[in-house]
C-alpha atoms as a PDB file:
ATOM      1  CA  MET A   1    -159.476-107.971-205.732  1.00  0.00           C
ATOM      2  CA  PRO A   2    -161.109-111.086-207.371  1.00  0.00           C
ATOM      3  CA  ASP A   3    -163.600-112.361-204.793  1.00  0.00           C
ATOM      4  CA  PHE A   4    -163.081-115.754-203.783  1.00  0.00           C
ATOM      5  CA  VAL A   5    -162.158-117.632-200.944  1.00  0.00           C
ATOM      6  CA  ILE A   6    -159.402-119.919-200.815  1.00  0.00           C
ATOM      7  CA  LEU A   7    -159.876-123.133-198.287  1.00  0.00           C
ATOM      8  CA  THR A   8    -157.088-125.261-197.319  1.00  0.00           C
ATOM      9  CA  ASP A   9    -157.075-128.184-194.549  1.00  0.00           C
ATOM     10  CA  SER A  10    -154.920-128.513-191.350  1.00  0.00           C
ATOM     11  CA  SER A  11    -152.791-130.442-192.785  1.00  0.00           C
ATOM     12  CA  ALA A  12    -150.815-127.241-194.125  1.00  0.00           C
ATOM     13  CA  ASP A  13    -149.912-126.544-190.961  1.00  0.00           C
ATOM     14  CA  LEU A  14    -150.702-122.728-190.864  1.00  0.00           C
ATOM     15  CA  SER A  15    -150.951-120.519-187.508  1.00  0.00           C
ATOM     16  CA  ALA A  16    -154.343-119.301-186.648  1.00  0.00           C
ATOM     17  CA  ASP A  17    -152.261-115.569-187.385  1.00  0.00           C
ATOM     18  CA  MET A  18    -150.442-116.802-190.603  1.00  0.00           C
ATOM     19  CA  ALA A  19    -154.173-117.823-191.636  1.00  0.00           C
ATOM     20  CA  GLN A  20    -155.510-114.841-191.052  1.00  0.00           C
ATOM     21  CA  ARG A  21    -152.894-112.855-192.607  1.00  0.00           C
ATOM     22  CA  LEU A  22    -153.132-114.530-196.093  1.00  0.00           C
ATOM     23  CA  ASN A  23    -157.415-114.440-195.816  1.00  0.00           C
ATOM     24  CA  VAL A  24    -157.373-118.720-196.268  1.00  0.00           C
ATOM     25  CA  GLU A  25    -160.040-120.331-194.579  1.00  0.00           C
ATOM     26  CA  VAL A  26    -158.809-123.693-193.138  1.00  0.00           C
ATOM     27  CA  LEU A  27    -160.960-126.833-192.238  1.00  0.00           C
ATOM     28  CA  PRO A  28    -159.602-129.017-189.608  1.00  0.00           C
ATOM     29  CA  LEU A  29    -157.995-132.319-189.466  1.00  0.00           C
ATOM     30  CA  GLY A  30    -158.832-135.014-186.865  1.00  0.00           C
ATOM     31  CA  PHE A  31    -157.015-137.363-184.609  1.00  0.00           C
ATOM     32  CA  VAL A  32    -157.564-139.962-182.023  1.00  0.00           C
ATOM     33  CA  LEU A  33    -155.068-139.804-178.940  1.00  0.00           C
ATOM     34  CA  ASP A  34    -155.859-142.193-175.589  1.00  0.00           C
ATOM     35  CA  ASN A  35    -159.580-143.167-177.713  1.00  0.00           C
ATOM     36  CA  GLN A  36    -160.599-139.009-177.637  1.00  0.00           C
ATOM     37  CA  THR A  37    -160.876-138.065-181.149  1.00  0.00           C
ATOM     38  CA  TYR A  38    -159.714-134.230-181.429  1.00  0.00           C
ATOM     39  CA  ARG A  39    -159.535-131.460-184.159  1.00  0.00           C
ATOM     40  CA  ASN A  40    -156.797-130.103-185.533  1.00  0.00           C
ATOM     41  CA  TYR A  41    -157.416-126.026-185.295  1.00  0.00           C
ATOM     42  CA  PRO A  42    -154.899-123.664-186.300  1.00  0.00           C
ATOM     43  CA  ASP A  43    -155.363-121.592-183.229  1.00  0.00           C
ATOM     44  CA  ASN A  44    -154.782-125.048-181.367  1.00  0.00           C
ATOM     45  CA  ARG A  45    -157.955-125.054-179.536  1.00  0.00           C
ATOM     46  CA  GLU A  46    -158.475-128.265-179.020  1.00  0.00           C
ATOM     47  CA  MET A  47    -154.591-129.528-177.999  1.00  0.00           C
ATOM     48  CA  ASP A  48    -151.444-127.578-177.660  1.00  0.00           C
ATOM     49  CA  PRO A  49    -148.725-128.775-180.098  1.00  0.00           C
ATOM     50  CA  HIS A  50    -146.527-129.276-177.229  1.00  0.00           C
ATOM     51  CA  GLU A  51    -148.411-131.074-175.152  1.00  0.00           C
ATOM     52  CA  PHE A  52    -149.831-133.585-178.528  1.00  0.00           C
ATOM     53  CA  TYR A  53    -145.829-133.974-178.563  1.00  0.00           C
ATOM     54  CA  ASP A  54    -145.146-134.895-174.750  1.00  0.00           C
ATOM     55  CA  ARG A  55    -147.719-137.073-174.743  1.00  0.00           C
ATOM     56  CA  LEU A  56    -145.693-138.874-177.727  1.00  0.00           C
ATOM     57  CA  ARG A  57    -142.436-139.118-176.174  1.00  0.00           C
ATOM     58  CA  ALA A  58    -144.247-141.052-172.715  1.00  0.00           C
ATOM     59  CA  GLY A  59    -145.393-143.495-175.168  1.00  0.00           C
ATOM     60  CA  ASP A  60    -148.952-142.484-176.165  1.00  0.00           C
ATOM     61  CA  VAL A  61    -150.385-143.712-179.558  1.00  0.00           C
ATOM     62  CA  ALA A  62    -151.689-140.787-182.036  1.00  0.00           C
ATOM     63  CA  THR A  63    -153.977-141.906-184.976  1.00  0.00           C
ATOM     64  CA  THR A  64    -155.457-140.075-187.718  1.00  0.00           C
ATOM     65  CA  ASN A  65    -158.857-139.371-189.598  1.00  0.00           C
ATOM     66  CA  ALA A  66    -159.312-137.942-193.150  1.00  0.00           C
ATOM     67  CA  VAL A  67    -161.912-135.677-193.726  1.00  0.00           C
ATOM     68  CA  ASN A  68    -164.524-137.140-195.409  1.00  0.00           C
ATOM     69  CA  VAL A  69    -167.459-136.129-198.474  1.00  0.00           C
ATOM     70  CA  ALA A  70    -169.581-134.732-195.741  1.00  0.00           C
ATOM     71  CA  GLN A  71    -167.006-132.809-193.797  1.00  0.00           C
ATOM     72  CA  TYR A  72    -165.830-130.929-196.944  1.00  0.00           C
ATOM     73  CA  ALA A  73    -169.290-130.293-197.707  1.00  0.00           C
ATOM     74  CA  GLU A  74    -170.336-128.809-194.581  1.00  0.00           C
ATOM     75  CA  ALA A  75    -167.105-126.436-195.080  1.00  0.00           C
ATOM     76  CA  LEU A  76    -167.694-125.671-198.950  1.00  0.00           C
ATOM     77  CA  GLU A  77    -171.770-125.076-198.395  1.00  0.00           C
ATOM     78  CA  PRO A  78    -172.044-121.606-196.384  1.00  0.00           C
ATOM     79  CA  LEU A  79    -169.443-120.222-199.028  1.00  0.00           C
ATOM     80  CA  LEU A  80    -171.179-121.044-201.894  1.00  0.00           C
ATOM     81  CA  GLN A  81    -174.376-120.157-200.728  1.00  0.00           C
ATOM     82  CA  ALA A  82    -172.843-116.401-199.339  1.00  0.00           C
ATOM     83  CA  GLY A  83    -172.264-116.037-202.744  1.00  0.00           C
ATOM     84  CA  LYS A  84    -168.323-116.742-203.179  1.00  0.00           C
ATOM     85  CA  ASP A  85    -166.591-118.741-205.567  1.00  0.00           C
ATOM     86  CA  VAL A  86    -163.948-121.308-203.661  1.00  0.00           C
ATOM     87  CA  LEU A  87    -160.392-122.427-204.549  1.00  0.00           C
ATOM     88  CA  VAL A  88    -159.566-125.636-202.309  1.00  0.00           C
ATOM     89  CA  LEU A  89    -156.103-126.901-201.840  1.00  0.00           C
ATOM     90  CA  ALA A  90    -156.160-129.924-200.634  1.00  0.00           C
ATOM     91  CA  PHE A  91    -153.698-132.224-198.460  1.00  0.00           C
ATOM     92  CA  SER A  92    -151.218-134.360-200.993  1.00  0.00           C
ATOM     93  CA  SER A  93    -153.395-137.368-202.553  1.00  0.00           C
ATOM     94  CA  GLY A  94    -150.024-139.357-202.000  1.00  0.00           C
ATOM     95  CA  LEU A  95    -150.406-139.351-198.724  1.00  0.00           C
ATOM     96  CA  SER A  96    -154.030-138.979-197.493  1.00  0.00           C
ATOM     97  CA  THR A  97    -157.731-139.737-199.214  1.00  0.00           C
ATOM     98  CA  THR A  98    -158.561-135.979-197.897  1.00  0.00           C
ATOM     99  CA  TYR A  99    -157.620-134.916-201.805  1.00  0.00           C
ATOM    100  CA  ASN A 100    -160.342-137.251-202.617  1.00  0.00           C
ATOM    101  CA  SER A 101    -163.021-136.234-200.673  1.00  0.00           C
ATOM    102  CA  SER A 102    -162.528-132.260-201.450  1.00  0.00           C
ATOM    103  CA  ARG A 103    -163.004-133.267-204.986  1.00  0.00           C
ATOM    104  CA  LEU A 104    -166.295-135.373-204.603  1.00  0.00           C
ATOM    105  CA  ALA A 105    -167.741-132.772-202.374  1.00  0.00           C
ATOM    106  CA  VAL A 106    -167.021-130.407-204.642  1.00  0.00           C
ATOM    107  CA  GLU A 107    -168.646-132.321-207.948  1.00  0.00           C
ATOM    108  CA  GLU A 108    -172.042-132.665-205.701  1.00  0.00           C
ATOM    109  CA  LEU A 109    -171.749-129.158-204.581  1.00  0.00           C
ATOM    110  CA  SER A 110    -171.129-127.348-208.373  1.00  0.00           C
ATOM    111  CA  ALA A 111    -174.131-129.707-209.240  1.00  0.00           C
ATOM    112  CA  LYS A 112    -176.407-128.232-206.575  1.00  0.00           C
ATOM    113  CA  TYR A 113    -174.737-124.182-206.938  1.00  0.00           C
ATOM    114  CA  PRO A 114    -174.218-124.577-210.991  1.00  0.00           C
ATOM    115  CA  GLU A 115    -173.940-120.733-210.745  1.00  0.00           C
ATOM    116  CA  ARG A 116    -170.576-120.746-208.804  1.00  0.00           C
ATOM    117  CA  LYS A 117    -167.594-121.438-209.440  1.00  0.00           C
ATOM    118  CA  LEU A 118    -166.073-124.061-207.286  1.00  0.00           C
ATOM    119  CA  TYR A 119    -162.509-125.757-207.710  1.00  0.00           C
ATOM    120  CA  THR A 120    -160.510-128.496-205.748  1.00  0.00           C
ATOM    121  CA  VAL A 121    -156.001-129.441-206.555  1.00  0.00           C
ATOM    122  CA  ASP A 122    -154.459-131.646-205.324  1.00  0.00           C
ATOM    123  CA  THR A 123    -151.017-130.041-203.917  1.00  0.00           C
ATOM    124  CA  LEU A 124    -149.252-133.022-203.478  1.00  0.00           C
ATOM    125  CA  CYS A 125    -147.292-131.044-200.598  1.00  0.00           C
ATOM    126  CA  ALA A 126    -147.484-131.872-196.872  1.00  0.00           C
ATOM    127  CA  SER A 127    -147.156-129.681-194.051  1.00  0.00           C
ATOM    128  CA  LEU A 128    -145.947-126.270-194.348  1.00  0.00           C
ATOM    129  CA  GLY A 129    -144.722-126.992-197.642  1.00  0.00           C
ATOM    130  CA  GLN A 130    -149.062-127.534-198.583  1.00  0.00           C
ATOM    131  CA  GLY A 131    -148.835-123.948-196.409  1.00  0.00           C
ATOM    132  CA  LEU A 132    -146.235-122.664-198.323  1.00  0.00           C
ATOM    133  CA  LEU A 133    -148.235-123.338-201.282  1.00  0.00           C
ATOM    134  CA  VAL A 134    -151.318-121.132-200.065  1.00  0.00           C
ATOM    135  CA  TRP A 135    -148.816-118.303-199.469  1.00  0.00           C
ATOM    136  CA  TYR A 136    -148.084-118.808-203.365  1.00  0.00           C
ATOM    137  CA  ALA A 137    -152.177-118.920-203.667  1.00  0.00           C
ATOM    138  CA  ALA A 138    -152.443-116.272-201.716  1.00  0.00           C
ATOM    139  CA  ARG A 139    -149.965-113.655-203.372  1.00  0.00           C
ATOM    140  CA  GLU A 140    -151.771-114.758-206.638  1.00  0.00           C
ATOM    141  CA  ARG A 141    -154.873-113.816-205.757  1.00  0.00           C
ATOM    142  CA  ASP A 142    -154.079-110.390-204.364  1.00  0.00           C
ATOM    143  CA  ARG A 143    -152.118-109.560-207.282  1.00  0.00           C
ATOM    144  CA  GLY A 144    -155.642-109.557-208.782  1.00  0.00           C
ATOM    145  CA  HIS A 145    -155.845-112.743-210.957  1.00  0.00           C
ATOM    146  CA  SER A 146    -158.943-114.943-211.129  1.00  0.00           C
ATOM    147  CA  ILE A 147    -159.960-117.990-209.314  1.00  0.00           C
ATOM    148  CA  GLU A 148    -159.236-119.775-212.433  1.00  0.00           C
ATOM    149  CA  GLU A 149    -155.464-118.004-213.301  1.00  0.00           C
ATOM    150  CA  VAL A 150    -154.533-118.807-209.805  1.00  0.00           C
ATOM    151  CA  ARG A 151    -155.844-122.857-210.028  1.00  0.00           C
ATOM    152  CA  ASP A 152    -153.734-122.975-213.262  1.00  0.00           C
ATOM    153  CA  TRP A 153    -150.427-121.231-211.181  1.00  0.00           C
ATOM    154  CA  ILE A 154    -151.237-123.898-208.381  1.00  0.00           C
ATOM    155  CA  GLU A 155    -151.194-126.987-210.524  1.00  0.00           C
ATOM    156  CA  GLU A 156    -147.953-125.502-213.000  1.00  0.00           C
ATOM    157  CA  HIS A 157    -145.648-124.995-210.009  1.00  0.00           C
ATOM    158  CA  ARG A 158    -146.613-127.248-206.784  1.00  0.00           C
ATOM    159  CA  LEU A 159    -143.891-129.638-208.114  1.00  0.00           C
ATOM    160  CA  ASN A 160    -141.759-126.618-207.411  1.00  0.00           C
ATOM    161  CA  ILE A 161    -142.298-126.525-203.530  1.00  0.00           C
ATOM    162  CA  CYS A 162    -139.788-129.145-202.260  1.00  0.00           C
ATOM    163  CA  HIS A 163    -139.818-130.368-198.809  1.00  0.00           C
ATOM    164  CA  GLN A 164    -136.407-131.545-197.359  1.00  0.00           C
ATOM    165  CA  PHE A 165    -136.771-132.901-193.754  1.00  0.00           C
ATOM    166  CA  THR A 166    -135.632-135.385-191.112  1.00  0.00           C
ATOM    167  CA  VAL A 167    -137.088-137.067-188.134  1.00  0.00           C
ATOM    168  CA  ASP A 168    -135.741-137.555-184.405  1.00  0.00           C
ATOM    169  CA  ASP A 169    -136.983-140.837-183.619  1.00  0.00           C
ATOM    170  CA  LEU A 170    -137.035-143.826-186.209  1.00  0.00           C
ATOM    171  CA  HIS A 171    -139.849-145.519-184.364  1.00  0.00           C
ATOM    172  CA  PHE A 172    -142.807-143.385-186.308  1.00  0.00           C
ATOM    173  CA  LEU A 173    -141.503-144.343-189.624  1.00  0.00           C
ATOM    174  CA  LYS A 174    -141.302-147.686-188.645  1.00  0.00           C
ATOM    175  CA  ARG A 175    -145.011-147.835-187.442  1.00  0.00           C
ATOM    176  CA  GLY A 176    -145.962-146.187-190.644  1.00  0.00           C
ATOM    177  CA  GLY A 177    -143.997-148.708-192.852  1.00  0.00           C
ATOM    178  CA  ARG A 178    -141.914-145.980-194.008  1.00  0.00           C
ATOM    179  CA  ILE A 179    -138.705-148.189-192.436  1.00  0.00           C
ATOM    180  CA  SER A 180    -138.164-151.969-191.653  1.00  0.00           C
ATOM    181  CA  ALA A 181    -138.231-152.688-187.834  1.00  0.00           C
ATOM    182  CA  ALA A 182    -134.407-153.324-188.026  1.00  0.00           C
ATOM    183  CA  THR A 183    -133.450-150.682-190.168  1.00  0.00           C
ATOM    184  CA  ALA A 184    -134.857-148.608-187.115  1.00  0.00           C
ATOM    185  CA  VAL A 185    -133.362-150.961-184.493  1.00  0.00           C
ATOM    186  CA  VAL A 186    -129.875-150.784-186.167  1.00  0.00           C
ATOM    187  CA  GLY A 187    -130.439-146.943-187.110  1.00  0.00           C
ATOM    188  CA  SER A 188    -130.814-145.947-183.516  1.00  0.00           C
ATOM    189  CA  MET A 189    -128.244-147.793-182.230  1.00  0.00           C
ATOM    190  CA  LEU A 190    -125.941-145.854-184.548  1.00  0.00           C
ATOM    191  CA  GLN A 191    -127.943-142.306-184.228  1.00  0.00           C
ATOM    192  CA  ILE A 192    -128.314-142.941-188.659  1.00  0.00           C
ATOM    193  CA  LYS A 193    -130.657-140.363-189.260  1.00  0.00           C
ATOM    194  CA  PRO A 194    -132.827-140.233-192.218  1.00  0.00           C
ATOM    195  CA  VAL A 195    -132.930-137.499-194.891  1.00  0.00           C
ATOM    196  CA  LEU A 196    -136.546-138.168-197.129  1.00  0.00           C
ATOM    197  CA  HIS A 197    -138.462-135.409-199.196  1.00  0.00           C
ATOM    198  CA  VAL A 198    -141.935-136.016-200.904  1.00  0.00           C
ATOM    199  CA  ASP A 199    -142.017-136.802-204.412  1.00  0.00           C
ATOM    200  CA  ASP A 200    -143.535-135.851-208.007  1.00  0.00           C
ATOM    201  CA  GLU A 201    -146.397-137.747-206.823  1.00  0.00           C
ATOM    202  CA  GLY A 202    -146.869-136.764-203.328  1.00  0.00           C
ATOM    203  CA  HIS A 203    -145.210-139.916-201.858  1.00  0.00           C
ATOM    204  CA  LEU A 204    -142.735-139.900-198.963  1.00  0.00           C
ATOM    205  CA  ILE A 205    -139.162-140.717-199.777  1.00  0.00           C
ATOM    206  CA  ASN A 206    -136.053-141.658-198.305  1.00  0.00           C
ATOM    207  CA  ILE A 207    -133.245-140.036-200.657  1.00  0.00           C
ATOM    208  CA  GLY A 208    -130.464-140.056-198.053  1.00  0.00           C
ATOM    209  CA  LYS A 209    -128.780-141.059-194.424  1.00  0.00           C
ATOM    210  CA  VAL A 210    -126.299-139.471-192.034  1.00  0.00           C
ATOM    211  CA  ARG A 211    -125.447-140.172-188.750  1.00  0.00           C
ATOM    212  CA  GLY A 212    -125.861-137.221-186.106  1.00  0.00           C
ATOM    213  CA  ARG A 213    -128.151-134.729-185.583  1.00  0.00           C
ATOM    214  CA  GLN A 214    -126.430-132.198-186.749  1.00  0.00           C
ATOM    215  CA  ALA A 215    -125.499-133.917-189.524  1.00  0.00           C
ATOM    216  CA  ALA A 216    -128.872-134.159-190.958  1.00  0.00           C
ATOM    217  CA  LEU A 217    -130.005-130.761-190.387  1.00  0.00           C
ATOM    218  CA  LYS A 218    -126.686-129.619-192.402  1.00  0.00           C
ATOM    219  CA  ALA A 219    -128.228-131.871-194.958  1.00  0.00           C
ATOM    220  CA  LEU A 220    -131.377-130.429-195.272  1.00  0.00           C
ATOM    221  CA  VAL A 221    -129.391-127.025-196.491  1.00  0.00           C
ATOM    222  CA  ASP A 222    -127.137-128.258-198.615  1.00  0.00           C
ATOM    223  CA  ARG A 223    -130.093-130.453-200.534  1.00  0.00           C
ATOM    224  CA  MET A 224    -131.485-126.631-200.673  1.00  0.00           C
ATOM    225  CA  GLU A 225    -128.376-125.352-201.799  1.00  0.00           C
ATOM    226  CA  GLU A 226    -128.511-127.922-205.139  1.00  0.00           C
ATOM    227  CA  THR A 227    -132.354-126.485-206.236  1.00  0.00           C
ATOM    228  CA  ALA A 228    -133.487-123.743-204.772  1.00  0.00           C
ATOM    229  CA  LEU A 229    -134.583-120.870-207.111  1.00  0.00           C
ATOM    230  CA  ASP A 230    -133.287-117.339-206.441  1.00  0.00           C
ATOM    231  CA  SER A 231    -132.096-118.094-203.434  1.00  0.00           C
ATOM    232  CA  GLY A 232    -131.739-114.281-202.491  1.00  0.00           C
ATOM    233  CA  SER A 233    -135.934-113.659-202.936  1.00  0.00           C
ATOM    234  CA  LEU A 234    -136.623-116.776-201.328  1.00  0.00           C
ATOM    235  CA  THR A 235    -139.837-117.577-199.234  1.00  0.00           C
ATOM    236  CA  VAL A 236    -138.587-120.124-196.806  1.00  0.00           C
ATOM    237  CA  PHE A 237    -141.130-122.210-194.385  1.00  0.00           C
ATOM    238  CA  ILE A 238    -139.732-124.712-191.547  1.00  0.00           C
ATOM    239  CA  SER A 239    -142.113-126.838-189.229  1.00  0.00           C
ATOM    240  CA  HIS A 240    -140.687-128.573-186.311  1.00  0.00           C
ATOM    241  CA  GLY A 241    -141.870-131.806-184.632  1.00  0.00           C
ATOM    242  CA  ASP A 242    -141.749-129.817-180.880  1.00  0.00           C
ATOM    243  CA  CYS A 243    -137.354-129.157-181.163  1.00  0.00           C
ATOM    244  CA  LEU A 244    -137.880-125.236-182.263  1.00  0.00           C
ATOM    245  CA  GLU A 245    -134.110-124.821-181.564  1.00  0.00           C
ATOM    246  CA  ASP A 246    -132.949-127.378-184.326  1.00  0.00           C
ATOM    247  CA  ALA A 247    -135.523-125.343-186.411  1.00  0.00           C
ATOM    248  CA  GLN A 248    -133.669-122.480-185.465  1.00  0.00           C
ATOM    249  CA  THR A 249    -130.966-123.751-186.383  1.00  0.00           C
ATOM    250  CA  VAL A 250    -131.504-124.551-190.194  1.00  0.00           C
ATOM    251  CA  ALA A 251    -133.283-121.135-190.145  1.00  0.00           C
ATOM    252  CA  ASP A 252    -130.156-119.830-188.994  1.00  0.00           C
ATOM    253  CA  MET A 253    -128.128-122.005-191.588  1.00  0.00           C
ATOM    254  CA  VAL A 254    -130.561-120.986-194.445  1.00  0.00           C
ATOM    255  CA  LYS A 255    -129.934-117.164-193.565  1.00  0.00           C
ATOM    256  CA  LYS A 256    -126.254-116.867-193.465  1.00  0.00           C
ATOM    257  CA  ARG A 257    -125.820-119.204-196.969  1.00  0.00           C
ATOM    258  CA  PHE A 258    -128.540-117.717-198.953  1.00  0.00           C
ATOM    259  CA  GLY A 259    -129.075-114.264-197.597  1.00  0.00           C
ATOM    260  CA  VAL A 260    -133.041-114.965-196.712  1.00  0.00           C
ATOM    261  CA  GLU A 261    -133.905-112.261-194.518  1.00  0.00           C
ATOM    262  CA  GLU A 262    -137.567-113.833-193.329  1.00  0.00           C
ATOM    263  CA  VAL A 263    -137.876-117.812-192.279  1.00  0.00           C
ATOM    264  CA  TYR A 264    -141.462-118.762-191.145  1.00  0.00           C
ATOM    265  CA  ILE A 265    -141.379-121.094-188.694  1.00  0.00           C
ATOM    266  CA  ASN A 266    -144.429-123.369-187.098  1.00  0.00           C
ATOM    267  CA  TYR A 267    -144.837-126.425-185.525  1.00  0.00           C
ATOM    268  CA  VAL A 268    -145.965-129.987-187.482  1.00  0.00           C
ATOM    269  CA  GLY A 269    -149.185-130.158-186.367  1.00  0.00           C
ATOM    270  CA  PRO A 270    -150.740-133.623-185.059  1.00  0.00           C
ATOM    271  CA  VAL A 271    -152.248-134.604-188.635  1.00  0.00           C
ATOM    272  CA  ILE A 272    -148.637-135.371-189.962  1.00  0.00           C
ATOM    273  CA  GLY A 273    -146.815-135.441-186.384  1.00  0.00           C
ATOM    274  CA  ALA A 274    -148.527-138.343-185.568  1.00  0.00           C
ATOM    275  CA  HIS A 275    -146.432-139.970-188.425  1.00  0.00           C
ATOM    276  CA  SER A 276    -143.260-138.382-188.130  1.00  0.00           C
ATOM    277  CA  GLY A 277    -143.347-137.696-184.200  1.00  0.00           C
ATOM    278  CA  PRO A 278    -141.316-135.798-182.145  1.00  0.00           C
ATOM    279  CA  GLY A 279    -137.850-134.129-183.108  1.00  0.00           C
ATOM    280  CA  THR A 280    -139.062-133.689-186.660  1.00  0.00           C
ATOM    281  CA  VAL A 281    -137.687-130.546-188.816  1.00  0.00           C
ATOM    282  CA  ALA A 282    -138.653-129.842-192.176  1.00  0.00           C
ATOM    283  CA  LEU A 283    -137.544-126.907-195.055  1.00  0.00           C
ATOM    284  CA  PHE A 284    -139.897-125.798-197.521  1.00  0.00           C
ATOM    285  CA  TYR A 285    -138.949-123.596-200.658  1.00  0.00           C
ATOM    286  CA  ALA A 286    -139.542-122.957-204.549  1.00  0.00           C
ATOM    287  CA  GLY A 287    -136.962-125.096-206.454  1.00  0.00           C
ATOM    288  CA  THR A 288    -136.166-126.020-209.813  1.00  0.00           C
ATOM    289  CA  GLU A 289    -137.028-129.949-208.807  1.00  0.00           C
ATOM    290  CA  ARG A 290    -138.243-131.549-206.118  1.00  0.00           C
END
């Protein structure tokens, strides 16, 4: 089996169990809540996601800190010193400077350790969309492919990872500049729910709106029906902003409509949840196009 390490960051929203199962390393990103800085570890050692979302519901404001070059170098160098090659799969450059930090760290360390193979890929993905791409990378690695082959596979297929999601509270999109204040007020009054996705450049894009929560959840699955590849054998990931019941509703619709047997569900972590808010539900799968 190829002896290289896959390293991603915590915006991939993989649980500690899933990261261990995939045998991947996760670099924790930072967030700030009530003037205190936390790191978003997969095992949630510094803050439980339920507590995080409860505090957002209570009116606390969360902000995020992109990982810097030094932090990436600190995570990578011990692996290189141990004689490992490393493939980094970074948070979308369309949403964060995380990838650029990884790129600069890789350039610096490649010069320092010329005998090692060290690559970084801009996943153009977020949350469990990024996590799903990491899942595919681990699968390709475990099939015996080299680090270059896995890198090339990811670059070729990353735009097949579809992100469909909706939010319950428009305030968080307004604060992030995704919608206007007027749209947020009117939309909240009329129970208008946006349907969004991540485009080919890794940006967050509004692709529709419906009235009511259940209609929004169904719209995610309807969109999947239009774009999913070979639905019977799909691996499906769903993330949620502390609304497990709604995530399970989407999972049940996916299983019933497409015959998918297993769906992996986890929280939208604080790094993305700070901008999407409580009540976010996101559906990820491999499709023909985003």
